[in-house]
PDB file of N, CA and C in Angstrom:
ATOM      1  N   MET A   1     109.261 178.719  34.284  1.00  0.00           N
ATOM      2  CA  MET A   1     109.648 177.465  34.894  1.00  0.00           C
ATOM      3  C   MET A   1     110.186 177.679  36.304  1.00  0.00           C
ATOM      4  N   MET A   2     110.942 178.774  36.475  1.00  0.00           N
ATOM      5  CA  MET A   2     111.521 179.048  37.786  1.00  0.00           C
ATOM      6  C   MET A   2     110.434 179.374  38.812  1.00  0.00           C
ATOM      7  N   GLN A   3     109.356 180.008  38.366  1.00  0.00           N
ATOM      8  CA  GLN A   3     108.268 180.339  39.283  1.00  0.00           C
ATOM      9  C   GLN A   3     107.589 179.079  39.790  1.00  0.00           C
ATOM     10  N   HIS A   4     107.469 178.069  38.940  1.00  0.00           N
ATOM     11  CA  HIS A   4     106.851 176.820  39.358  1.00  0.00           C
ATOM     12  C   HIS A   4     107.708 176.110  40.396  1.00  0.00           C
ATOM     13  N   LYS A   5     109.022 176.133  40.209  1.00  0.00           N
ATOM     14  CA  LYS A   5     109.924 175.513  41.173  1.00  0.00           C
ATOM     15  C   LYS A   5     109.831 176.220  42.523  1.00  0.00           C
ATOM     16  N   THR A   6     109.737 177.527  42.496  1.00  0.00           N
ATOM     17  CA  THR A   6     109.631 178.290  43.742  1.00  0.00           C
ATOM     18  C   THR A   6     108.329 177.979  44.460  1.00  0.00           C
ATOM     19  N   LYS A   7     107.250 177.905  43.724  1.00  0.00           N
ATOM     20  CA  LYS A   7     105.954 177.591  44.334  1.00  0.00           C
ATOM     21  C   LYS A   7     105.952 176.192  44.930  1.00  0.00           C
ATOM     22  N   ILE A   8     106.519 175.233  44.211  1.00  0.00           N
ATOM     23  CA  ILE A   8     106.571 173.855  44.713  1.00  0.00           C
ATOM     24  C   ILE A   8     107.426 173.788  45.966  1.00  0.00           C
ATOM     25  N   PHE A   9     108.558 174.484  45.962  1.00  0.00           N
ATOM     26  CA  PHE A   9     109.426 174.501  47.142  1.00  0.00           C
ATOM     27  C   PHE A   9     108.707 175.095  48.345  1.00  0.00           C
ATOM     28  N   LEU A  10     108.016 176.192  48.165  1.00  0.00           N
ATOM     29  CA  LEU A  10     107.309 176.826  49.272  1.00  0.00           C
ATOM     30  C   LEU A  10     106.200 175.930  49.820  1.00  0.00           C
ATOM     31  N   ILE A  11     105.482 175.285  48.944  1.00  0.00           N
ATOM     32  CA  ILE A  11     104.411 174.386  49.393  1.00  0.00           C
ATOM     33  C   ILE A  11     104.989 173.234  50.197  1.00  0.00           C
ATOM     34  N   LEU A  12     106.059 172.619  49.707  1.00  0.00           N
ATOM     35  CA  LEU A  12     106.694 171.521  50.442  1.00  0.00           C
ATOM     36  C   LEU A  12     107.275 171.992  51.770  1.00  0.00           C
ATOM     37  N   PHE A  13     107.826 173.192  51.782  1.00  0.00           N
ATOM     38  CA  PHE A  13     108.400 173.747  53.009  1.00  0.00           C
ATOM     39  C   PHE A  13     107.325 173.934  54.081  1.00  0.00           C
ATOM     40  N   PHE A  14     106.186 174.470  53.711  1.00  0.00           N
ATOM     41  CA  PHE A  14     105.125 174.694  54.692  1.00  0.00           C
ATOM     42  C   PHE A  14     104.498 173.386  55.161  1.00  0.00           C
ATOM     43  N   PHE A  15     104.349 172.417  54.274  1.00  0.00           N
ATOM     44  CA  PHE A  15     103.790 171.134  54.690  1.00  0.00           C
ATOM     45  C   PHE A  15     104.757 170.340  55.552  1.00  0.00           C
ATOM     46  N   ALA A  16     106.041 170.529  55.368  1.00  0.00           N
ATOM     47  CA  ALA A  16     107.023 169.840  56.205  1.00  0.00           C
ATOM     48  C   ALA A  16     106.896 170.324  57.644  1.00  0.00           C
ATOM     49  N   GLY A  17     106.605 171.590  57.848  1.00  0.00           N
ATOM     50  CA  GLY A  17     106.411 172.117  59.196  1.00  0.00           C
ATOM     51  C   GLY A  17     105.190 171.524  59.872  1.00  0.00           C
ATOM     52  N   VAL A  18     104.144 171.284  59.108  1.00  0.00           N
ATOM     53  CA  VAL A  18     102.927 170.683  59.657  1.00  0.00           C
ATOM     54  C   VAL A  18     103.189 169.228  60.044  1.00  0.00           C
ATOM     55  N   LEU A  19     103.964 168.530  59.246  1.00  0.00           N
ATOM     56  CA  LEU A  19     104.251 167.129  59.523  1.00  0.00           C
ATOM     57  C   LEU A  19     105.119 166.941  60.758  1.00  0.00           C
ATOM     58  N   CYS A  20     105.879 167.943  61.109  1.00  0.00           N
ATOM     59  CA  CYS A  20     106.726 167.841  62.301  1.00  0.00           C
ATOM     60  C   CYS A  20     105.888 167.727  63.572  1.00  0.00           C
ATOM     61  N   PHE A  21     104.698 168.248  63.571  1.00  0.00           N
ATOM     62  CA  PHE A  21     103.837 168.219  64.746  1.00  0.00           C
ATOM     63  C   PHE A  21     102.784 167.116  64.654  1.00  0.00           C
ATOM     64  N   ALA A  22     102.947 166.186  63.748  1.00  0.00           N
ATOM     65  CA  ALA A  22     101.921 165.180  63.509  1.00  0.00           C
ATOM     66  C   ALA A  22     101.866 164.125  64.610  1.00  0.00           C
ATOM     67  N   GLN A  23     102.987 163.817  65.254  1.00  0.00           N
ATOM     68  CA  GLN A  23     103.006 162.755  66.243  1.00  0.00           C
ATOM     69  C   GLN A  23     103.346 163.317  67.614  1.00  0.00           C
ATOM     70  N   GLU A  24     102.706 162.754  68.622  1.00  0.00           N
ATOM     71  CA  GLU A  24     102.994 163.159  69.990  1.00  0.00           C
ATOM     72  C   GLU A  24     104.015 162.201  70.581  1.00  0.00           C
ATOM     73  N   THR A  25     104.699 162.656  71.619  1.00  0.00           N
ATOM     74  CA  THR A  25     105.646 161.778  72.292  1.00  0.00           C
ATOM     75  C   THR A  25     104.882 160.792  73.165  1.00  0.00           C
ATOM     76  N   PRO A  26     105.343 159.566  73.269  1.00  0.00           N
ATOM     77  CA  PRO A  26     104.628 158.586  74.089  1.00  0.00           C
ATOM     78  C   PRO A  26     104.751 158.928  75.573  1.00  0.00           C
ATOM     79  N   PRO A  27     103.731 158.612  76.364  1.00  0.00           N
ATOM     80  CA  PRO A  27     103.802 158.915  77.796  1.00  0.00           C
ATOM     81  C   PRO A  27     104.812 158.006  78.500  1.00  0.00           C
ATOM     82  N   THR A  28     105.297 158.472  79.620  1.00  0.00           N
ATOM     83  CA  THR A  28     106.231 157.679  80.417  1.00  0.00           C
ATOM     84  C   THR A  28     105.470 156.563  81.129  1.00  0.00           C
ATOM     85  N   PRO A  29     106.148 155.515  81.601  1.00  0.00           N
ATOM     86  CA  PRO A  29     105.455 154.393  82.245  1.00  0.00           C
ATOM     87  C   PRO A  29     104.660 154.773  83.497  1.00  0.00           C
ATOM     88  N   ASP A  30     105.063 155.834  84.188  1.00  0.00           N
ATOM     89  CA  ASP A  30     104.337 156.196  85.400  1.00  0.00           C
ATOM     90  C   ASP A  30     103.092 157.047  85.119  1.00  0.00           C
ATOM     91  N   GLY A  31     102.807 157.325  83.852  1.00  0.00           N
ATOM     92  CA  GLY A  31     101.588 158.044  83.492  1.00  0.00           C
ATOM     93  C   GLY A  31     101.758 159.541  83.364  1.00  0.00           C
ATOM     94  N   ARG A  32     102.851 160.077  83.866  1.00  0.00           N
ATOM     95  CA  ARG A  32     103.088 161.516  83.709  1.00  0.00           C
ATOM     96  C   ARG A  32     103.669 161.788  82.330  1.00  0.00           C
ATOM     97  N   GLY A  33     103.532 162.963  81.881  1.00  0.00           N
ATOM     98  CA  GLY A  33     104.059 163.326  80.576  1.00  0.00           C
ATOM     99  C   GLY A  33     105.569 163.470  80.608  1.00  0.00           C
ATOM    100  N   PRO A  34     106.157 163.690  79.461  1.00  0.00           N
ATOM    101  CA  PRO A  34     107.616 163.860  79.416  1.00  0.00           C
ATOM    102  C   PRO A  34     108.026 165.145  80.129  1.00  0.00           C
ATOM    103  N   THR A  35     109.146 165.079  80.796  1.00  0.00           N
ATOM    104  CA  THR A  35     109.631 166.264  81.505  1.00  0.00           C
ATOM    105  C   THR A  35     110.305 167.202  80.514  1.00  0.00           C
ATOM    106  N   PRO A  36     110.124 168.504  80.686  1.00  0.00           N
ATOM    107  CA  PRO A  36     110.759 169.448  79.770  1.00  0.00           C
ATOM    108  C   PRO A  36     112.269 169.479  80.011  1.00  0.00           C
ATOM    109  N   PRO A  37     113.025 169.784  78.977  1.00  0.00           N
ATOM    110  CA  PRO A  37     114.475 169.852  79.169  1.00  0.00           C
ATOM    111  C   PRO A  37     114.838 171.036  80.055  1.00  0.00           C
ATOM    112  N   GLY A  38     115.900 170.892  80.815  1.00  0.00           N
ATOM    113  CA  GLY A  38     116.312 171.953  81.729  1.00  0.00           C
ATOM    114  C   GLY A  38     117.378 172.850  81.150  1.00  0.00           C
ATOM    115  N   THR A  39     117.355 173.085  79.849  1.00  0.00           N
ATOM    116  CA  THR A  39     118.375 173.893  79.197  1.00  0.00           C
ATOM    117  C   THR A  39     117.896 175.332  79.073  1.00  0.00           C
ATOM    118  N   PRO A  40     118.567 176.269  79.742  1.00  0.00           N
ATOM    119  CA  PRO A  40     118.171 177.671  79.591  1.00  0.00           C
ATOM    120  C   PRO A  40     118.670 178.228  78.259  1.00  0.00           C
ATOM    121  N   ILE A  41     117.907 179.147  77.679  1.00  0.00           N
ATOM    122  CA  ILE A  41     118.325 179.733  76.404  1.00  0.00           C
ATOM    123  C   ILE A  41     118.839 181.157  76.589  1.00  0.00           C
ATOM    124  N   ASP A  42     118.774 181.690  77.783  1.00  0.00           N
ATOM    125  CA  ASP A  42     119.121 183.093  77.961  1.00  0.00           C
ATOM    126  C   ASP A  42     120.617 183.355  77.785  1.00  0.00           C
ATOM    127  N   GLY A  43     121.501 182.486  78.237  1.00  0.00           N
ATOM    128  CA  GLY A  43     122.934 182.714  78.107  1.00  0.00           C
ATOM    129  C   GLY A  43     123.384 182.723  76.659  1.00  0.00           C
ATOM    130  N   GLY A  44     122.957 181.742  75.887  1.00  0.00           N
ATOM    131  CA  GLY A  44     123.328 181.684  74.478  1.00  0.00           C
ATOM    132  C   GLY A  44     122.686 182.788  73.669  1.00  0.00           C
ATOM    133  N   LEU A  45     121.502 183.195  74.072  1.00  0.00           N
ATOM    134  CA  LEU A  45     120.806 184.257  73.354  1.00  0.00           C
ATOM    135  C   LEU A  45     121.547 185.581  73.480  1.00  0.00           C
ATOM    136  N   VAL A  46     122.066 185.873  74.654  1.00  0.00           N
ATOM    137  CA  VAL A  46     122.814 187.114  74.860  1.00  0.00           C
ATOM    138  C   VAL A  46     124.075 187.101  74.004  1.00  0.00           C
ATOM    139  N   VAL A  47     124.763 185.972  73.961  1.00  0.00           N
ATOM    140  CA  VAL A  47     125.983 185.876  73.151  1.00  0.00           C
ATOM    141  C   VAL A  47     125.654 186.101  71.676  1.00  0.00           C
ATOM    142  N   LEU A  48     124.573 185.510  71.194  1.00  0.00           N
ATOM    143  CA  LEU A  48     124.190 185.697  69.793  1.00  0.00           C
ATOM    144  C   LEU A  48     123.807 187.147  69.497  1.00  0.00           C
ATOM    145  N   LEU A  49     123.118 187.799  70.413  1.00  0.00           N
ATOM    146  CA  LEU A  49     122.752 189.196  70.194  1.00  0.00           C
ATOM    147  C   LEU A  49     123.983 190.095  70.157  1.00  0.00           C
ATOM    148  N   VAL A  50     124.936 189.863  71.056  1.00  0.00           N
ATOM    149  CA  VAL A  50     126.164 190.663  71.068  1.00  0.00           C
ATOM    150  C   VAL A  50     126.967 190.414  69.794  1.00  0.00           C
ATOM    151  N   ALA A  51     127.063 189.146  69.372  1.00  0.00           N
ATOM    152  CA  ALA A  51     127.796 188.836  68.140  1.00  0.00           C
ATOM    153  C   ALA A  51     127.127 189.495  66.934  1.00  0.00           C
ATOM    154  N   GLY A  52     125.809 189.478  66.892  1.00  0.00           N
ATOM    155  CA  GLY A  52     125.095 190.127  65.796  1.00  0.00           C
ATOM    156  C   GLY A  52     125.287 191.636  65.787  1.00  0.00           C
ATOM    157  N   ALA A  53     125.292 192.239  66.965  1.00  0.00           N
ATOM    158  CA  ALA A  53     125.506 193.680  67.055  1.00  0.00           C
ATOM    159  C   ALA A  53     126.921 194.039  66.602  1.00  0.00           C
ATOM    160  N   CYS A  54     127.909 193.251  67.026  1.00  0.00           N
ATOM    161  CA  CYS A  54     129.290 193.510  66.608  1.00  0.00           C
ATOM    162  C   CYS A  54     129.441 193.350  65.100  1.00  0.00           C
ATOM    163  N   TYR A  55     128.821 192.337  64.538  1.00  0.00           N
ATOM    164  CA  TYR A  55     128.885 192.118  63.092  1.00  0.00           C
ATOM    165  C   TYR A  55     128.217 193.278  62.354  1.00  0.00           C
ATOM    166  N   GLY A  56     127.088 193.743  62.851  1.00  0.00           N
ATOM    167  CA  GLY A  56     126.410 194.875  62.215  1.00  0.00           C
ATOM    168  C   GLY A  56     127.226 196.147  62.274  1.00  0.00           C
ATOM    169  N   ILE A  57     127.873 196.385  63.406  1.00  0.00           N
ATOM    170  CA  ILE A  57     128.723 197.584  63.534  1.00  0.00           C
ATOM    171  C   ILE A  57     129.905 197.485  62.582  1.00  0.00           C
ATOM    172  N   LYS A  58     130.491 196.294  62.480  1.00  0.00           N
ATOM    173  CA  LYS A  58     131.636 196.098  61.588  1.00  0.00           C
ATOM    174  C   LYS A  58     131.227 196.335  60.139  1.00  0.00           C
ATOM    175  N   LYS A  59     130.079 195.789  59.734  1.00  0.00           N
ATOM    176  CA  LYS A  59     129.627 195.958  58.357  1.00  0.00           C
ATOM    177  C   LYS A  59     129.266 197.417  58.050  1.00  0.00           C
ATOM    178  N   SER A  60     128.654 198.104  59.006  1.00  0.00           N
ATOM    179  CA  SER A  60     128.251 199.492  58.747  1.00  0.00           C
ATOM    180  C   SER A  60     129.443 200.438  58.770  1.00  0.00           C
ATOM    181  N   SER A  61     130.493 200.102  59.488  1.00  0.00           N
ATOM    182  CA  SER A  61     131.663 200.979  59.532  1.00  0.00           C
ATOM    183  C   SER A  61     132.506 200.849  58.271  1.00  0.00           C
ATOM    184  N   LYS A  62     132.402 199.763  57.525  1.00  0.00           N
ATOM    185  CA  LYS A  62     133.149 199.585  56.281  1.00  0.00           C
ATOM    186  C   LYS A  62     132.606 200.471  55.178  1.00  0.00           C
ATOM    187  N   ARG A  63     131.372 200.886  55.252  1.00  0.00           N
ATOM    188  CA  ARG A  63     130.768 201.713  54.196  1.00  0.00           C
ATOM    189  C   ARG A  63     131.220 203.099  54.340  1.00  0.00           C
TER     190      ARG A  63
END
């Protein structure tokens, strides 16, 4: 029974990803497409990598 639940969950999970791309954003009134957001990801990415490295060092030093 548990295997069936896992299979159903995985199927729904993969189809949910396909449905996310089903609709396009409407064009702007001037005919140009939507402008991309101006949010850089490099600053937050560095912080996450450093935090992950610190967490890994902390976990490995406890052993």
